[in-house]
Amino acid sequence: MTKFFKNNQERAQLLLVVMVWLLLFAIPIFFGDSAEQTNWHHIFKIWKEYSILLIIFLVNRFGLMPYLFFREKQVAYFMSIAGVILLFSSALFLLQYIEKRAAPPIDLPPPPGGNVPNGFELPLRHGPREFIPPFANMIVMSILLIGFDSGLIFFSKWMVSEQNKLKAEKESIRNKMAFLQNQVSPHFFMNTLNNIHALVDIDAEEAKDAIIKLSQMMDYMLYESLSNRISLKQEMDFTRSYVDLMKLRITDDVDLKLEIPEVLPQVEIPPLLSISFIENAFKYGVSYQSPSFIHIKINIRDNRFIFHVANRIHQEIKQNKNSGIGIANTQKRLELLFGHRYELNIDKKDDIFKVNLTIPL
């Protein structure tokens, strides 16, 4: 992609340069100083000066810039380009001087009245006096031309550099996302397999159903969740299945509620964003010594995905140093995916842990 962009940049830049030079050489023809016929002598004179400018341009673009400036030899570059400009300007000055001396003198018109005083001769001149000498004009034009061309080259390289930087950032985000998603998966499967293992001796048929449901969830996590975005329905089906499997290890004393709208819009969201919060609630919010509850509620409103989960914080869980690793990983994912366009509020108050997440759809 970057190579394609770079090639297109070079073609566009080359086309622009060719068009500018064609326009410069065409201007004297269409905007000459003769209204009746084309003054080719004057045009060829201008083209001669433009040809010198073109040579300076080619030397700078294909010689001095790539072999000196972009090889960290800036001092040598500036000395070389100054020498090239002075060399060609001096050559133009010398050429103009020789042509002017070789041109036939032009008599000035007599003074008003036509009388010339005795002993006074009219001066002769070799052509009209120019306001700016040709060599000085050549120096100014060369500097402007080199500045324009250098700016064009720098802009092109900056664009390619920005594309490379953007590509590197996307690749970095993709790698970080894959790493963070893989951190979620092993922890989830470990808990679920432990639950099914405990269920085998209690209810074999229910264990079989749980294995089928787990295989479907594994397929989702291993293949579907690798996409940047997944349908909201698939994500909610995964959430329901996850909660159903988590029910296997909790008793009826745990107040468990899951609220998901029956009718879901056909939109897509990044996969596995809320599962870490739900996993955290089951892992650290269930106690067999004291009353426990887990309330999960999901809403879709104003083109936003709104997730809420609340659970009780138990005394034996507070000392666990590993709690919250999944939440920290999810926060990193949210920052990579949405920047500042998401809202995440985590509140711990009166032994109640609450998470409120809002992301744009």
Protein backbone atom coordinates (compact mmCIF):
# COMPACT_ATOMS: atom_id res chain seq x y z
CA MET A 1 0.00 0.00 0.00
CA THR A 2 2.78 2.41 0.92
CA LYS A 3 4.74 1.50 -2.21
CA PHE A 4 1.63 2.10 -4.35
CA PHE A 5 1.09 5.46 -2.62
CA LYS A 6 4.75 6.38 -3.10
CA ASN A 7 4.65 5.51 -6.81
CA ASN A 8 1.49 7.57 -7.29
CA GLN A 9 3.12 10.48 -5.45
CA GLU A 10 6.15 10.33 -7.73
CA ARG A 11 3.99 10.19 -10.86
CA ALA A 12 1.86 13.12 -9.72
CA GLN A 13 4.96 15.12 -8.81
CA LEU A 14 6.59 14.40 -12.18
CA LEU A 15 3.40 15.35 -14.01
CA LEU A 16 3.18 18.62 -12.07
CA VAL A 17 6.81 19.49 -12.88
CA VAL A 18 6.35 18.75 -16.58
CA MET A 19 3.20 20.86 -16.72
CA VAL A 20 4.93 23.80 -14.99
CA TRP A 21 7.82 23.75 -17.46
CA LEU A 22 5.52 23.40 -20.46
CA LEU A 23 3.55 26.37 -19.18
CA LEU A 24 6.71 28.42 -18.71
CA PHE A 25 7.88 27.76 -22.27
CA ALA A 26 4.39 28.41 -23.69
CA ILE A 27 3.80 31.77 -21.97
CA PRO A 28 6.09 33.80 -24.33
CA ILE A 29 4.17 32.49 -27.36
CA PHE A 30 0.68 33.32 -26.12
CA PHE A 31 1.58 36.51 -24.28
CA GLY A 32 4.19 38.07 -26.59
CA ASP A 33 4.66 41.79 -27.01
CA SER A 34 3.59 41.80 -30.67
CA ALA A 35 -0.09 41.96 -31.43
CA GLU A 36 0.25 41.40 -35.19
CA GLN A 37 2.81 38.61 -35.46
CA THR A 38 4.90 36.41 -33.23
CA ASN A 39 8.30 37.87 -32.41
CA TRP A 40 10.31 34.65 -32.57
CA HIS A 41 13.58 36.44 -31.98
CA HIS A 42 12.33 37.64 -28.60
CA ILE A 43 10.78 34.23 -27.82
CA PHE A 44 14.01 32.37 -28.56
CA LYS A 45 15.84 34.78 -26.30
CA ILE A 46 13.46 33.98 -23.43
CA TRP A 47 13.67 30.25 -24.18
CA LYS A 48 17.43 30.44 -23.98
CA GLU A 49 17.23 31.83 -20.45
CA TYR A 50 14.58 29.25 -19.53
CA SER A 51 16.83 26.50 -20.86
CA ILE A 52 19.55 27.57 -18.47
CA LEU A 53 16.98 27.51 -15.63
CA LEU A 54 15.92 24.02 -16.73
CA ILE A 55 19.52 22.80 -16.59
CA ILE A 56 19.91 24.20 -13.07
CA PHE A 57 16.62 22.53 -12.11
CA LEU A 58 17.72 19.12 -13.45
CA VAL A 59 21.14 19.35 -11.79
CA ASN A 60 19.48 20.16 -8.46
CA ARG A 61 16.71 17.54 -8.60
CA PHE A 62 18.60 14.56 -10.02
CA GLY A 63 22.13 15.34 -8.88
CA LEU A 64 22.65 17.57 -5.89
CA MET A 65 19.51 16.75 -3.85
CA PRO A 66 19.74 12.92 -3.91
CA TYR A 67 23.55 12.64 -3.77
CA LEU A 68 24.36 15.45 -1.36
CA PHE A 69 21.41 16.86 0.58
CA PHE A 70 19.68 13.55 1.39
CA ARG A 71 23.01 11.94 2.27
CA GLU A 72 23.62 14.32 5.16
CA LYS A 73 25.98 16.56 3.15
CA GLN A 74 24.01 19.79 3.44
CA VAL A 75 27.04 22.09 3.52
CA ALA A 76 28.41 20.58 0.32
CA TYR A 77 24.93 20.82 -1.21
CA PHE A 78 24.48 24.53 -0.53
CA MET A 79 28.00 25.31 -1.73
CA SER A 80 27.41 23.26 -4.89
CA ILE A 81 24.03 24.76 -5.74
CA ALA A 82 25.39 28.27 -5.15
CA GLY A 83 28.32 27.47 -7.45
CA VAL A 84 26.00 26.10 -10.15
CA ILE A 85 23.78 29.19 -10.02
CA LEU A 86 26.76 31.58 -10.16
CA LEU A 87 28.35 29.57 -12.98
CA PHE A 88 25.31 29.66 -15.25
CA SER A 89 24.48 33.26 -14.31
CA SER A 90 28.01 34.31 -15.19
CA ALA A 91 27.80 32.39 -18.46
CA LEU A 92 24.55 34.21 -19.28
CA PHE A 93 26.11 37.55 -18.38
CA LEU A 94 29.09 36.84 -20.63
CA LEU A 95 26.85 35.70 -23.47
CA GLN A 96 24.63 38.77 -23.15
CA TYR A 97 27.67 41.02 -23.06
CA ILE A 98 29.15 39.49 -26.24
CA GLU A 99 25.81 39.75 -28.06
CA LYS A 100 25.38 43.36 -27.01
CA ARG A 101 28.87 44.33 -28.16
CA ALA A 102 28.36 42.55 -31.48
CA ALA A 103 24.97 44.20 -32.10
CA PRO A 104 24.97 47.28 -34.47
CA PRO A 105 24.69 50.65 -32.72
CA ILE A 106 21.35 52.42 -32.69
CA ASP A 107 21.22 56.18 -33.35
CA LEU A 108 19.26 58.20 -30.90
CA PRO A 109 16.60 60.52 -32.39
CA PRO A 110 17.56 64.20 -32.73
CA PRO A 111 16.47 66.63 -30.05
CA PRO A 112 13.26 68.64 -30.47
CA GLY A 113 13.54 71.16 -33.33
CA GLY A 114 16.01 68.95 -35.21
CA ASN A 115 18.97 71.27 -34.60
CA VAL A 116 22.17 69.79 -33.25
CA PRO A 117 24.67 72.24 -31.77
CA ASN A 118 28.06 72.50 -33.44
CA GLY A 119 30.62 70.12 -32.00
CA PHE A 120 27.95 67.89 -30.35
CA GLU A 121 27.46 64.30 -31.45
CA LEU A 122 24.49 62.20 -30.54
CA PRO A 123 25.51 59.19 -28.37
CA LEU A 124 25.12 55.71 -29.78
CA ARG A 125 23.65 52.83 -27.85
CA HIS A 126 23.46 49.10 -28.41
CA GLY A 127 19.89 48.55 -27.32
CA PRO A 128 17.42 49.54 -24.58
CA ARG A 129 18.77 49.69 -21.05
CA GLU A 130 17.27 46.91 -18.90
CA PHE A 131 16.00 47.68 -15.42
CA ILE A 132 17.34 44.37 -14.04
CA PRO A 133 20.50 42.88 -15.58
CA PRO A 134 19.91 39.42 -17.08
CA PHE A 135 22.43 37.69 -14.81
CA ALA A 136 20.81 39.20 -11.68
CA ASN A 137 17.40 38.12 -12.92
CA MET A 138 18.83 34.62 -13.53
CA ILE A 139 20.12 34.42 -9.93
CA VAL A 140 16.75 35.45 -8.49
CA MET A 141 14.80 33.08 -10.74
CA SER A 142 17.19 30.20 -9.93
CA ILE A 143 16.80 30.70 -6.19
CA LEU A 144 12.99 30.80 -6.50
CA LEU A 145 13.02 27.74 -8.74
CA ILE A 146 15.27 25.74 -6.40
CA GLY A 147 13.10 26.75 -3.45
CA PHE A 148 9.93 25.62 -5.25
CA ASP A 149 11.44 22.31 -6.33
CA SER A 150 12.95 21.59 -2.91
CA GLY A 151 9.63 22.35 -1.22
CA LEU A 152 7.88 19.98 -3.61
CA ILE A 153 10.38 17.20 -2.86
CA PHE A 154 10.15 17.74 0.90
CA PHE A 155 6.34 17.72 0.77
CA SER A 156 6.33 14.47 -1.19
CA LYS A 157 8.75 12.81 1.23
CA TRP A 158 6.71 14.08 4.18
CA MET A 159 3.54 12.54 2.72
CA VAL A 160 5.27 9.18 2.23
CA SER A 161 6.71 9.40 5.74
CA GLU A 162 3.24 10.07 7.20
CA GLN A 163 1.84 7.08 5.31
CA ASN A 164 4.62 4.88 6.66
CA LYS A 165 4.01 6.21 10.15
CA LEU A 166 0.26 5.56 9.87
CA LYS A 167 0.89 2.05 8.59
CA ALA A 168 3.30 1.37 11.47
CA GLU A 169 0.76 2.67 14.00
CA LYS A 170 -1.98 0.47 12.55
CA GLU A 171 0.33 -2.54 12.62
CA SER A 172 1.27 -1.77 16.20
CA ILE A 173 -2.38 -1.44 17.20
CA ARG A 174 -3.20 -4.71 15.43
CA ASN A 175 -0.43 -6.51 17.29
CA LYS A 176 -1.45 -5.01 20.63
CA MET A 177 -5.08 -5.94 20.03
CA ALA A 178 -4.16 -9.54 19.23
CA PHE A 179 -1.97 -9.71 22.34
CA LEU A 180 -4.67 -8.31 24.61
CA GLN A 181 -7.37 -10.58 23.18
CA ASN A 182 -5.13 -13.61 23.71
CA GLN A 183 -4.71 -12.58 27.32
CA VAL A 184 -8.48 -12.84 27.82
CA SER A 185 -8.93 -16.25 26.19
CA PRO A 186 -6.84 -18.59 28.41
CA HIS A 187 -8.34 -17.25 31.62
CA PHE A 188 -11.86 -17.67 30.29
CA PHE A 189 -11.34 -21.23 29.07
CA MET A 190 -9.66 -22.29 32.30
CA ASN A 191 -12.69 -21.23 34.35
CA THR A 192 -15.18 -22.76 31.95
CA LEU A 193 -13.41 -26.11 31.69
CA ASN A 194 -13.23 -26.30 35.48
CA ASN A 195 -16.99 -25.73 35.62
CA ILE A 196 -17.72 -28.45 33.06
CA HIS A 197 -15.35 -30.85 34.84
CA ALA A 198 -17.32 -30.40 38.05
CA LEU A 199 -20.61 -30.89 36.16
CA VAL A 200 -19.68 -34.24 34.56
CA ASP A 201 -20.27 -36.19 37.78
CA ILE A 202 -23.48 -34.34 38.56
CA ASP A 203 -25.40 -34.17 35.28
CA ALA A 204 -23.80 -35.81 32.22
CA GLU A 205 -26.43 -34.52 29.76
CA GLU A 206 -26.06 -30.97 30.94
CA ALA A 207 -22.29 -31.35 30.73
CA LYS A 208 -22.63 -32.43 27.09
CA ASP A 209 -24.76 -29.39 26.34
CA ALA A 210 -22.17 -27.22 28.07
CA ILE A 211 -19.38 -28.73 25.96
CA ILE A 212 -21.34 -28.00 22.76
CA LYS A 213 -21.95 -24.45 23.91
CA LEU A 214 -18.28 -24.07 24.82
CA SER A 215 -17.20 -25.34 21.39
CA GLN A 216 -19.41 -22.71 19.76
CA MET A 217 -17.89 -20.05 21.97
CA MET A 218 -14.39 -21.27 21.14
CA ASP A 219 -15.20 -20.99 17.46
CA TYR A 220 -16.35 -17.43 18.07
CA MET A 221 -13.25 -16.46 20.03
CA LEU A 222 -10.75 -18.20 17.76
CA TYR A 223 -12.18 -17.10 14.42
CA GLU A 224 -15.03 -14.60 14.56
CA SER A 225 -13.43 -12.37 17.20
CA LEU A 226 -10.32 -11.93 15.04
CA SER A 227 -12.32 -9.49 12.92
CA ASN A 228 -12.09 -5.82 13.76
CA ARG A 229 -15.84 -5.66 14.21
CA ILE A 230 -18.53 -8.26 14.72
CA SER A 231 -22.33 -8.07 14.58
CA LEU A 232 -24.00 -6.97 17.81
CA LYS A 233 -26.23 -10.07 17.75
CA GLN A 234 -23.23 -12.43 17.67
CA GLU A 235 -21.59 -10.58 20.54
CA MET A 236 -24.78 -10.73 22.62
CA ASP A 237 -25.24 -14.45 21.84
CA PHE A 238 -21.70 -15.00 23.09
CA THR A 239 -22.48 -13.02 26.26
CA ARG A 240 -25.60 -15.10 26.94
CA SER A 241 -23.67 -18.34 26.42
CA TYR A 242 -20.90 -17.16 28.70
CA VAL A 243 -23.32 -16.30 31.50
CA ASP A 244 -25.11 -19.65 31.05
CA LEU A 245 -21.81 -21.49 31.49
CA MET A 246 -20.90 -19.38 34.52
CA LYS A 247 -24.19 -20.38 36.12
CA LEU A 248 -22.82 -23.90 36.39
CA ARG A 249 -20.47 -22.95 39.24
CA ILE A 250 -22.76 -20.73 41.30
CA THR A 251 -25.64 -21.62 43.57
CA ASP A 252 -29.17 -20.34 43.54
CA ASP A 253 -28.28 -18.04 46.42
CA VAL A 254 -26.43 -15.75 44.02
CA ASP A 255 -28.72 -13.04 42.65
CA LEU A 256 -27.85 -13.19 38.94
CA LYS A 257 -29.58 -10.95 36.39
CA LEU A 258 -28.82 -10.51 32.70
CA GLU A 259 -30.80 -7.95 30.71
CA ILE A 260 -30.30 -7.76 26.95
CA PRO A 261 -32.83 -6.19 24.55
CA GLU A 262 -34.79 -8.78 22.62
CA VAL A 263 -34.60 -6.73 19.44
CA LEU A 264 -31.10 -5.66 18.51
CA PRO A 265 -30.15 -3.24 15.72
CA GLN A 266 -28.09 -4.57 12.84
CA VAL A 267 -24.86 -2.85 13.79
CA GLU A 268 -21.30 -3.98 14.46
CA ILE A 269 -19.04 -3.51 17.47
CA PRO A 270 -15.49 -4.58 18.36
CA PRO A 271 -15.60 -8.11 19.82
CA LEU A 272 -15.03 -9.11 23.45
CA LEU A 273 -15.11 -5.63 24.96
CA SER A 274 -17.47 -6.36 27.84
CA ILE A 275 -16.49 -9.96 28.57
CA SER A 276 -13.59 -8.98 30.87
CA PHE A 277 -15.94 -6.99 33.09
CA ILE A 278 -18.40 -9.90 33.24
CA GLU A 279 -15.61 -12.38 33.90
CA ASN A 280 -14.29 -10.13 36.65
CA ALA A 281 -17.76 -10.01 38.27
CA PHE A 282 -18.03 -13.81 38.35
CA LYS A 283 -14.45 -14.36 39.49
CA TYR A 284 -14.37 -11.81 42.29
CA GLY A 285 -18.04 -11.15 43.03
CA VAL A 286 -19.23 -14.60 44.09
CA SER A 287 -18.82 -15.81 47.64
CA TYR A 288 -20.20 -18.91 49.33
CA GLN A 289 -19.96 -17.37 52.79
CA SER A 290 -22.01 -14.20 52.25
CA PRO A 291 -24.84 -12.99 49.98
CA SER A 292 -23.70 -12.26 46.44
CA PHE A 293 -25.21 -10.64 43.40
CA ILE A 294 -24.25 -9.96 39.78
CA HIS A 295 -26.43 -7.63 37.73
CA ILE A 296 -25.65 -7.18 34.04
CA LYS A 297 -27.60 -4.80 31.86
CA ILE A 298 -27.05 -3.86 28.21
CA ASN A 299 -28.88 -1.10 26.34
CA ILE A 300 -28.70 0.37 22.86
CA ARG A 301 -29.64 4.04 22.88
CA ASP A 302 -28.85 7.08 20.74
CA ASN A 303 -26.54 5.03 18.52
CA ARG A 304 -24.48 4.00 21.55
CA PHE A 305 -23.76 0.67 23.22
CA ILE A 306 -24.32 1.02 26.97
CA PHE A 307 -23.04 -1.70 29.27
CA HIS A 308 -23.55 -1.89 33.04
CA VAL A 309 -22.44 -4.52 35.55
CA ALA A 310 -22.55 -4.46 39.33
CA ASN A 311 -21.46 -7.01 41.93
CA ARG A 312 -20.65 -7.18 45.61
CA ILE A 313 -17.03 -6.97 46.74
CA HIS A 314 -16.26 -9.66 49.30
CA GLN A 315 -13.66 -9.37 52.02
CA GLU A 316 -11.66 -12.39 50.88
CA ILE A 317 -11.40 -10.94 47.36
CA LYS A 318 -10.06 -7.52 48.37
CA GLN A 319 -6.57 -8.89 49.08
CA ASN A 320 -6.23 -10.52 45.62
CA LYS A 321 -3.43 -8.67 43.83
CA ASN A 322 -4.28 -10.16 40.44
CA SER A 323 -7.80 -8.82 40.36
CA GLY A 324 -8.39 -6.20 37.70
CA ILE A 325 -5.78 -7.38 35.17
CA GLY A 326 -8.50 -8.18 32.62
CA ILE A 327 -10.09 -4.78 33.20
CA ALA A 328 -6.74 -3.03 32.67
CA ASN A 329 -6.29 -4.90 29.39
CA THR A 330 -9.78 -3.92 28.27
CA GLN A 331 -9.04 -0.29 29.06
CA LYS A 332 -5.99 -0.49 26.80
CA ARG A 333 -8.13 -1.95 24.04
CA LEU A 334 -10.71 0.81 24.44
CA GLU A 335 -8.01 3.47 24.17
CA LEU A 336 -6.59 1.85 21.04
CA LEU A 337 -10.01 1.49 19.43
CA PHE A 338 -11.81 4.68 20.39
CA GLY A 339 -9.27 7.16 21.74
CA HIS A 340 -11.35 9.68 23.72
CA ARG A 341 -14.69 8.69 22.20
CA TYR A 342 -15.68 6.18 24.88
CA GLU A 343 -16.81 6.52 28.50
CA LEU A 344 -15.74 4.10 31.21
CA ASN A 345 -16.66 4.67 34.83
CA ILE A 346 -15.50 2.20 37.49
CA ASP A 347 -16.82 2.79 41.00
CA LYS A 348 -16.10 0.99 44.28
CA LYS A 349 -18.36 2.11 47.09
CA ASP A 350 -19.91 0.38 50.11
CA ASP A 351 -18.60 -3.03 49.04
CA ILE A 352 -20.26 -2.61 45.63
CA PHE A 353 -18.24 -2.70 42.42
CA LYS A 354 -19.86 -1.01 39.40
CA VAL A 355 -18.75 -0.64 35.79
CA ASN A 356 -20.47 1.61 33.26
CA LEU A 357 -19.20 1.52 29.69
CA THR A 358 -20.49 3.53 26.73
CA ILE A 359 -19.06 3.22 23.24
CA PRO A 360 -20.24 4.70 19.92
CA LEU A 361 -21.77 2.36 17.34
